Amino acid sequence: MSTFAAISKAADRLAGHARCTPLLSSPFLDDIAGRQVLVKAECLQHTGSFKFRGGWAALSALTPEQRSKGVLAYSSGNHAQGVAAAAAAHDAPAVIVMPQDAPAIKITNTRALGAEVVLYDRATEDRDRIGADLAQARGLTLVKPYDDEQVIAGQGTVGLEIADQAKALGITEADVLVCCGGGGLTAGVSIALKERAPDMAVHPCEPEGFDDVTRSLSTGEICRNATTSGSICDAILTPSPGDLTFPILKQTCASGIVVTEDEALHAMALAFTRLKIVLEPGGAVALAAALFHPDALSMPVAIAVATGGNVDPVIFAEALGKYG
């Protein structure tokens, strides 16, 4: 299981490579939420999402021989770009398995970062099997998107920064809302905050119809989604919480929060008009939870992690057209 020590070591390896992203605020958002809202803008991270942290942590922990043979990852786009960028910086070949329905900008960007992209149909094909077969055939090291100790440790550096930035503002108690797919970021953040800011409560946030983590936390057992496609929140659509992540989430997290697609679009528009940042739907669900689900929170401050900004232009235009 990933530990606070692993997160601290990952932070050392990430120093000078990952951006320390800001905590943003707006009185307009505070008014909507009925409490102070701070937004951790990971959309401003390298490659447009927090995934660069996990990618770098994983690549930097490999042996030179492993890096020379190359790495493989599967992703709808953000983990793909994070691993591709980290691999390029380490002179390591990268093969990325991506769903055919991933936003075109994510596929294009992943290829532009130097990775080989293998497309698959997520409705009929098993990405885990495809990835495992490719890794074995080519001698590649598989870097999983969330069920990987080094990836969890890298994502946990977001929690270290939240603790330090909140403390600088005099904040020690807060509901911390995290956009959640397989749970790597949520697990890492919750480990870091349990150590550095124990009075903060971490809530996984998910889109309606893909609330496997919320249901799993409620039942105490891993629950699966009926489908892995069909939502605009593509960045956080996973079959279920991970075997590594769920035990962490079960021990360290508060209840999950589920938002609608319209709430995610509304949060995207508000992030743009009030904070001047661009979010993708999956990267906006935590902010949507902070703004539109006040009854799920108990603290005077909500810190929402805006996890990614790699949005399809058509979806972004829809958000602004409806709510901008």
Protein backbone atom coordinates (compact mmCIF):
# COMPACT_ATOMS: atom_id res chain seq x y z
CA MET A 1 0.00 0.00 0.00
CA SER A 2 1.20 3.51 -0.80
CA THR A 3 2.39 5.49 2.21
CA PHE A 4 3.12 9.04 3.21
CA ALA A 5 6.83 8.22 2.97
CA ALA A 6 6.36 7.20 -0.66
CA ILE A 7 4.56 10.48 -1.37
CA SER A 8 7.40 12.46 0.24
CA LYS A 9 9.96 10.63 -1.92
CA ALA A 10 7.87 11.26 -5.02
CA ALA A 11 7.74 14.96 -4.11
CA ASP A 12 11.54 15.03 -3.99
CA ARG A 13 11.75 13.48 -7.48
CA LEU A 14 9.10 15.85 -8.82
CA ALA A 15 10.82 18.98 -7.45
CA GLY A 16 11.75 21.25 -10.33
CA HIS A 17 9.69 19.23 -12.80
CA ALA A 18 6.03 19.52 -11.73
CA ARG A 19 4.34 22.87 -11.23
CA CYS A 20 3.06 23.88 -7.82
CA THR A 21 -0.42 24.83 -8.98
CA PRO A 22 -2.30 27.70 -7.31
CA LEU A 23 -5.33 27.77 -5.05
CA LEU A 24 -7.80 30.13 -6.75
CA SER A 25 -10.86 31.83 -5.31
CA SER A 26 -13.75 34.06 -6.31
CA PRO A 27 -16.40 35.76 -4.14
CA PHE A 28 -18.95 34.85 -6.83
CA LEU A 29 -18.27 31.15 -6.27
CA ASP A 30 -18.41 31.62 -2.50
CA ASP A 31 -21.87 33.16 -2.85
CA ILE A 32 -23.15 30.21 -4.89
CA ALA A 33 -21.72 27.63 -2.51
CA GLY A 34 -22.61 29.43 0.71
CA ARG A 35 -19.07 28.93 2.01
CA GLN A 36 -15.52 29.77 1.03
CA VAL A 37 -14.45 27.82 -2.07
CA LEU A 38 -10.83 27.33 -3.07
CA VAL A 39 -9.93 25.68 -6.36
CA LYS A 40 -6.68 23.75 -6.74
CA ALA A 41 -5.97 24.41 -10.42
CA GLU A 42 -4.32 21.19 -11.59
CA CYS A 43 -5.60 22.06 -15.05
CA LEU A 44 -2.53 24.33 -15.13
CA GLN A 45 -0.18 21.39 -14.56
CA HIS A 46 2.09 20.17 -17.38
CA THR A 47 0.01 18.36 -20.05
CA GLY A 48 -3.13 19.99 -18.64
CA SER A 49 -3.82 17.66 -15.72
CA PHE A 50 -2.53 16.24 -12.44
CA LYS A 51 -1.60 13.03 -14.28
CA PHE A 52 1.86 14.40 -15.08
CA ARG A 53 2.72 13.98 -11.40
CA GLY A 54 1.99 10.26 -11.38
CA GLY A 55 3.66 9.75 -14.73
CA TRP A 56 6.85 11.42 -13.59
CA ALA A 57 6.84 9.62 -10.24
CA ALA A 58 6.51 6.26 -11.99
CA LEU A 59 9.11 6.90 -14.72
CA SER A 60 11.65 8.36 -12.31
CA ALA A 61 11.35 5.28 -10.07
CA LEU A 62 12.24 2.82 -12.87
CA THR A 63 15.70 1.40 -13.40
CA PRO A 64 17.69 2.63 -16.44
CA GLU A 65 17.17 -0.78 -18.06
CA GLN A 66 13.40 -0.60 -17.60
CA ARG A 67 13.29 2.90 -19.07
CA SER A 68 15.39 1.86 -22.08
CA LYS A 69 12.88 -0.90 -22.94
CA GLY A 70 9.97 1.51 -22.62
CA VAL A 71 6.66 1.85 -20.82
CA LEU A 72 3.04 1.19 -21.60
CA ALA A 73 -0.06 2.91 -20.25
CA TYR A 74 -3.78 2.82 -20.93
CA SER A 75 -5.84 5.95 -20.63
CA SER A 76 -8.67 8.05 -22.07
CA GLY A 77 -6.15 10.83 -22.44
CA ASN A 78 -4.82 12.57 -19.35
CA HIS A 79 -2.77 9.67 -17.96
CA ALA A 80 -1.69 9.04 -21.56
CA GLN A 81 -0.28 12.53 -21.90
CA GLY A 82 1.27 12.52 -18.43
CA VAL A 83 3.12 9.27 -19.07
CA ALA A 84 4.06 10.28 -22.62
CA ALA A 85 5.56 13.56 -21.44
CA ALA A 86 7.43 11.92 -18.57
CA ALA A 87 8.71 9.16 -20.86
CA ALA A 88 9.96 11.68 -23.42
CA ALA A 89 11.82 13.60 -20.70
CA HIS A 90 13.45 10.33 -19.57
CA ASP A 91 14.27 9.22 -23.15
CA ALA A 92 12.00 6.21 -22.73
CA PRO A 93 9.74 4.81 -25.49
CA ALA A 94 6.03 4.94 -24.64
CA VAL A 95 3.06 2.96 -25.98
CA ILE A 96 -0.37 4.24 -24.94
CA VAL A 97 -3.62 2.24 -25.25
CA MET A 98 -6.49 4.73 -25.70
CA PRO A 99 -10.25 4.32 -26.31
CA GLN A 100 -11.45 5.22 -29.79
CA ASP A 101 -13.99 7.66 -28.33
CA ALA A 102 -11.42 9.67 -26.37
CA PRO A 103 -11.47 13.38 -27.26
CA ALA A 104 -9.49 13.93 -30.45
CA ILE A 105 -7.36 16.59 -28.77
CA LYS A 106 -6.11 14.03 -26.23
CA ILE A 107 -5.20 11.46 -28.89
CA THR A 108 -3.46 14.14 -30.98
CA ASN A 109 -1.55 15.53 -28.00
CA THR A 110 -0.41 12.07 -26.89
CA ARG A 111 1.02 11.36 -30.33
CA ALA A 112 2.61 14.80 -30.45
CA LEU A 113 4.44 13.99 -27.21
CA GLY A 114 6.14 11.13 -29.03
CA ALA A 115 4.09 8.16 -27.86
CA GLU A 116 2.76 5.33 -30.02
CA VAL A 117 -1.04 5.25 -29.66
CA VAL A 118 -3.03 1.98 -29.86
CA LEU A 119 -6.79 2.57 -30.09
CA TYR A 120 -9.49 0.20 -28.79
CA ASP A 121 -13.28 0.03 -28.37
CA ARG A 122 -13.98 0.44 -24.66
CA ALA A 123 -17.51 -0.94 -25.03
CA THR A 124 -16.36 -4.30 -26.43
CA GLU A 125 -12.64 -4.67 -25.63
CA ASP A 126 -10.73 -5.03 -22.36
CA ARG A 127 -8.02 -2.41 -22.06
CA ASP A 128 -6.35 -4.25 -19.18
CA ARG A 129 -5.94 -7.35 -21.35
CA ILE A 130 -4.71 -5.34 -24.34
CA GLY A 131 -2.19 -3.53 -22.16
CA ALA A 132 -0.97 -6.70 -20.45
CA ASP A 133 -0.51 -8.50 -23.77
CA LEU A 134 1.45 -5.60 -25.30
CA ALA A 135 3.62 -5.21 -22.23
CA GLN A 136 4.52 -8.89 -22.23
CA ALA A 137 5.16 -9.06 -25.97
CA ARG A 138 7.44 -6.02 -26.09
CA GLY A 139 9.05 -6.13 -22.66
CA LEU A 140 7.40 -2.85 -21.64
CA THR A 141 6.81 -1.79 -18.05
CA LEU A 142 3.10 -1.18 -17.46
CA VAL A 143 2.29 2.10 -15.70
CA LYS A 144 -1.31 1.76 -14.58
CA PRO A 145 -3.48 4.90 -14.40
CA TYR A 146 -4.37 4.51 -10.71
CA ASP A 147 -3.61 1.03 -9.34
CA ASP A 148 0.13 1.69 -9.16
CA GLU A 149 1.95 2.60 -5.95
CA GLN A 150 4.29 5.10 -7.60
CA VAL A 151 1.43 6.74 -9.49
CA ILE A 152 -0.58 7.08 -6.28
CA ALA A 153 2.48 8.56 -4.58
CA GLY A 154 2.96 11.10 -7.36
CA GLN A 155 -0.69 12.15 -7.28
CA GLY A 156 -0.42 12.47 -3.50
CA THR A 157 1.87 15.47 -3.95
CA VAL A 158 -1.30 17.42 -4.75
CA GLY A 159 -2.31 16.80 -1.14
CA LEU A 160 1.02 18.04 0.18
CA GLU A 161 0.57 21.30 -1.70
CA ILE A 162 -3.03 21.69 -0.52
CA ALA A 163 -1.92 21.27 3.10
CA ASP A 164 0.85 23.85 2.76
CA GLN A 165 -1.22 26.37 0.79
CA ALA A 166 -4.23 26.10 3.10
CA LYS A 167 -2.03 26.47 6.17
CA ALA A 168 -0.56 29.66 4.69
CA LEU A 169 -4.14 30.98 4.50
CA GLY A 170 -4.86 29.97 8.10
CA ILE A 171 -7.09 27.06 7.04
CA THR A 172 -6.77 23.72 8.81
CA GLU A 173 -10.34 22.43 8.45
CA ALA A 174 -11.95 21.92 5.06
CA ASP A 175 -13.92 19.55 2.89
CA VAL A 176 -11.52 18.54 0.10
CA LEU A 177 -13.36 17.49 -3.04
CA VAL A 178 -11.53 15.37 -5.61
CA CYS A 179 -12.68 14.30 -9.07
CA CYS A 180 -12.50 10.51 -8.87
CA GLY A 181 -12.21 7.73 -11.43
CA GLY A 182 -10.20 4.74 -10.25
CA GLY A 183 -9.13 6.61 -7.13
CA GLY A 184 -5.39 7.19 -7.56
CA LEU A 185 -5.52 10.93 -6.98
CA THR A 186 -8.13 10.65 -4.22
CA ALA A 187 -6.10 7.96 -2.45
CA GLY A 188 -2.86 9.93 -2.69
CA VAL A 189 -4.45 13.19 -1.53
CA SER A 190 -6.19 11.48 1.37
CA ILE A 191 -2.96 9.84 2.56
CA ALA A 192 -1.11 13.15 2.40
CA LEU A 193 -3.83 15.11 4.18
CA LYS A 194 -4.31 12.50 6.89
CA GLU A 195 -0.67 13.13 7.80
CA ARG A 196 -0.37 16.86 7.12
CA ALA A 197 -3.91 18.20 7.67
CA PRO A 198 -5.88 15.59 9.62
CA ASP A 199 -8.89 17.85 10.18
CA MET A 200 -9.66 17.94 6.47
CA ALA A 201 -12.26 15.51 5.04
CA VAL A 202 -11.68 14.10 1.54
CA HIS A 203 -14.74 13.43 -0.64
CA PRO A 204 -14.50 11.52 -3.95
CA CYS A 205 -16.66 13.22 -6.58
CA GLU A 206 -18.12 11.38 -9.56
CA PRO A 207 -20.56 11.85 -12.46
CA GLU A 208 -24.06 10.46 -12.29
CA GLY A 209 -24.25 6.89 -13.59
CA PHE A 210 -20.54 6.28 -12.91
CA ASP A 211 -20.54 6.49 -9.12
CA ASP A 212 -18.71 3.23 -8.39
CA VAL A 213 -16.50 4.74 -5.68
CA THR A 214 -19.42 6.41 -3.90
CA ARG A 215 -21.39 3.15 -3.90
CA SER A 216 -18.33 1.15 -2.88
CA LEU A 217 -17.69 3.39 0.10
CA SER A 218 -21.35 3.13 1.09
CA THR A 219 -21.44 -0.68 0.94
CA GLY A 220 -17.87 -1.33 2.07
CA GLU A 221 -17.22 -3.53 -0.96
CA ILE A 222 -15.99 -2.80 -4.48
CA CYS A 223 -18.92 -2.03 -6.78
CA ARG A 224 -18.70 -1.89 -10.57
CA ASN A 225 -20.34 0.43 -13.05
CA ALA A 226 -22.79 -1.08 -15.51
CA THR A 227 -20.90 0.54 -18.39
CA THR A 228 -17.61 2.37 -18.94
CA SER A 229 -18.77 4.80 -21.63
CA GLY A 230 -21.59 7.20 -22.32
CA SER A 231 -20.67 10.28 -20.26
CA ILE A 232 -19.02 13.55 -21.22
CA CYS A 233 -16.85 13.09 -18.11
CA ASP A 234 -14.58 10.71 -20.05
CA ALA A 235 -11.50 11.42 -17.94
CA ILE A 236 -12.95 9.70 -14.88
CA LEU A 237 -14.90 6.77 -16.32
CA THR A 238 -13.55 3.54 -14.84
CA PRO A 239 -15.11 0.12 -14.26
CA SER A 240 -14.57 0.20 -10.49
CA PRO A 241 -12.19 1.50 -7.82
CA GLY A 242 -8.82 -0.22 -7.90
CA ASP A 243 -7.61 -3.11 -5.79
CA LEU A 244 -4.87 -0.85 -4.40
CA THR A 245 -6.89 2.34 -4.18
CA PHE A 246 -10.12 1.11 -2.60
CA PRO A 247 -8.63 -0.06 0.72
CA ILE A 248 -7.02 3.38 1.04
CA LEU A 249 -10.24 5.20 0.18
CA LYS A 250 -12.16 3.03 2.62
CA GLN A 251 -9.80 3.98 5.46
CA THR A 252 -9.24 7.65 4.70
CA CYS A 253 -12.20 9.17 2.85
CA ALA A 254 -15.54 10.66 3.77
CA SER A 255 -18.66 9.97 1.70
CA GLY A 256 -18.69 10.39 -2.06
CA ILE A 257 -20.66 13.06 -3.94
CA VAL A 258 -22.38 12.46 -7.28
CA VAL A 259 -23.05 15.30 -9.76
CA THR A 260 -25.00 15.54 -13.00
CA GLU A 261 -23.50 16.30 -16.40
CA ASP A 262 -25.33 19.64 -16.42
CA GLU A 263 -23.77 20.54 -13.08
CA ALA A 264 -20.33 19.69 -14.49
CA LEU A 265 -20.99 21.90 -17.54
CA HIS A 266 -22.20 24.71 -15.28
CA ALA A 267 -19.04 24.40 -13.15
CA MET A 268 -16.91 24.56 -16.32
CA ALA A 269 -18.57 27.81 -17.34
CA LEU A 270 -18.19 29.32 -13.88
CA ALA A 271 -14.53 28.29 -13.70
CA PHE A 272 -13.93 30.09 -16.98
CA THR A 273 -15.92 33.25 -16.25
CA ARG A 274 -14.92 33.65 -12.58
CA LEU A 275 -11.45 32.06 -12.35
CA LYS A 276 -10.29 32.32 -16.00
CA ILE A 277 -9.35 28.63 -16.17
CA VAL A 278 -10.45 25.97 -18.65
CA LEU A 279 -11.79 22.68 -17.30
CA GLU A 280 -12.96 19.50 -18.99
CA PRO A 281 -16.18 17.91 -17.67
CA GLY A 282 -14.40 15.20 -15.68
CA GLY A 283 -12.09 17.82 -14.23
CA ALA A 284 -15.01 19.97 -13.09
CA VAL A 285 -17.07 17.51 -11.05
CA ALA A 286 -15.36 18.42 -7.76
CA LEU A 287 -16.11 22.10 -8.28
CA ALA A 288 -19.67 21.16 -9.24
CA ALA A 289 -19.98 19.27 -5.97
CA ALA A 290 -18.71 22.26 -4.00
CA LEU A 291 -21.09 24.66 -5.72
CA PHE A 292 -24.28 22.64 -6.10
CA HIS A 293 -24.23 20.07 -3.28
CA PRO A 294 -23.77 22.17 -0.13
CA ASP A 295 -25.73 19.75 2.04
CA ALA A 296 -23.06 17.09 1.46
CA LEU A 297 -20.44 19.27 3.14
CA SER A 298 -19.91 20.17 6.78
CA MET A 299 -16.89 22.50 6.87
CA PRO A 300 -16.82 26.28 6.37
CA VAL A 301 -14.28 25.87 3.54
CA ALA A 302 -14.43 23.65 0.46
CA ILE A 303 -11.27 22.94 -1.52
CA ALA A 304 -12.06 21.51 -4.96
CA VAL A 305 -9.33 19.95 -7.08
CA ALA A 306 -9.81 21.02 -10.71
CA THR A 307 -8.09 17.98 -12.13
CA GLY A 308 -7.86 18.63 -15.87
CA GLY A 309 -8.46 21.07 -18.68
CA ASN A 310 -8.07 18.98 -21.84
CA VAL A 311 -11.56 19.65 -23.10
CA ASP A 312 -13.03 19.01 -26.53
CA PRO A 313 -13.81 22.45 -28.05
CA VAL A 314 -17.38 21.39 -28.87
CA ILE A 315 -18.07 20.42 -25.25
CA PHE A 316 -16.48 23.63 -23.99
CA ALA A 317 -18.64 25.68 -26.36
CA GLU A 318 -21.72 23.81 -25.09
CA ALA A 319 -20.83 24.68 -21.48
CA LEU A 320 -20.37 28.35 -22.29
CA GLY A 321 -23.46 28.42 -24.47
CA LYS A 322 -25.65 27.05 -21.69
CA TYR A 323 -24.14 28.77 -18.66
CA GLY A 324 -21.55 31.33 -19.76
